[in-house]
Amino acid sequence: MSELKYLHGYPEHLQAQARQLLQQGRLGAMLAEKYPGQHTIRTDNALYDYVLTIKNQFMRAAPPVHKVAFDNHLQVLHRALGIHRASSRVQGVKLRAHKEIRIAALFQDTPPEFLRMIVVHELAHLQEMQHNKAFYQLCLHMEPHYHQYEFDLRLYLTQREFAL
């Protein structure tokens, strides 16, 4: 159990605490106590509405999002929890941009904080493609607890991996 791939970039003392909670079988209970609820967003249409609500609240000037969907194959194929795509098509003399966000289907059954964190992450990519300082500042603007939710999501993924 020494390899915690989702916590790889975090300090050793945090990884050691996660290992200890896993060995004691308490990590899942700790996360369930901290995040007791689940969201009600189950369909692609509901997810699209949720994403647009956040986008319109914080990023009105960002390019429109044309499609948002849960993706059953995302984690396995791309080793990602969410992706954003931009494609351009020539229609006559105009160039049309099409933006798409796909969220891993595992987020259909997670606490609302984790879904919000991944949605905020993917929306931030509409303005900042790289994971740089401006990107994380935008994430924090949309979700002030972004970093805590990201860390707890990594703990959640670690718990899922070792529970299987």
Foldseek 3Di string as FASTA:
>chain_A
DLDLPLCVPPDPVVVVVLVVCVVVVNLVVVLCVVQVDADQDQFQVSVLVVLVVLCVVQPVPFDDADGEGEDQCCCVPPVDQKEKDWDWDDDPPDIDIHIYMYGHNVSNGDGPLLVLLVSLLRSLCSPPVDPDPSSVVSSCVSPVCNVVSSVSVSSVVSSVVVVD
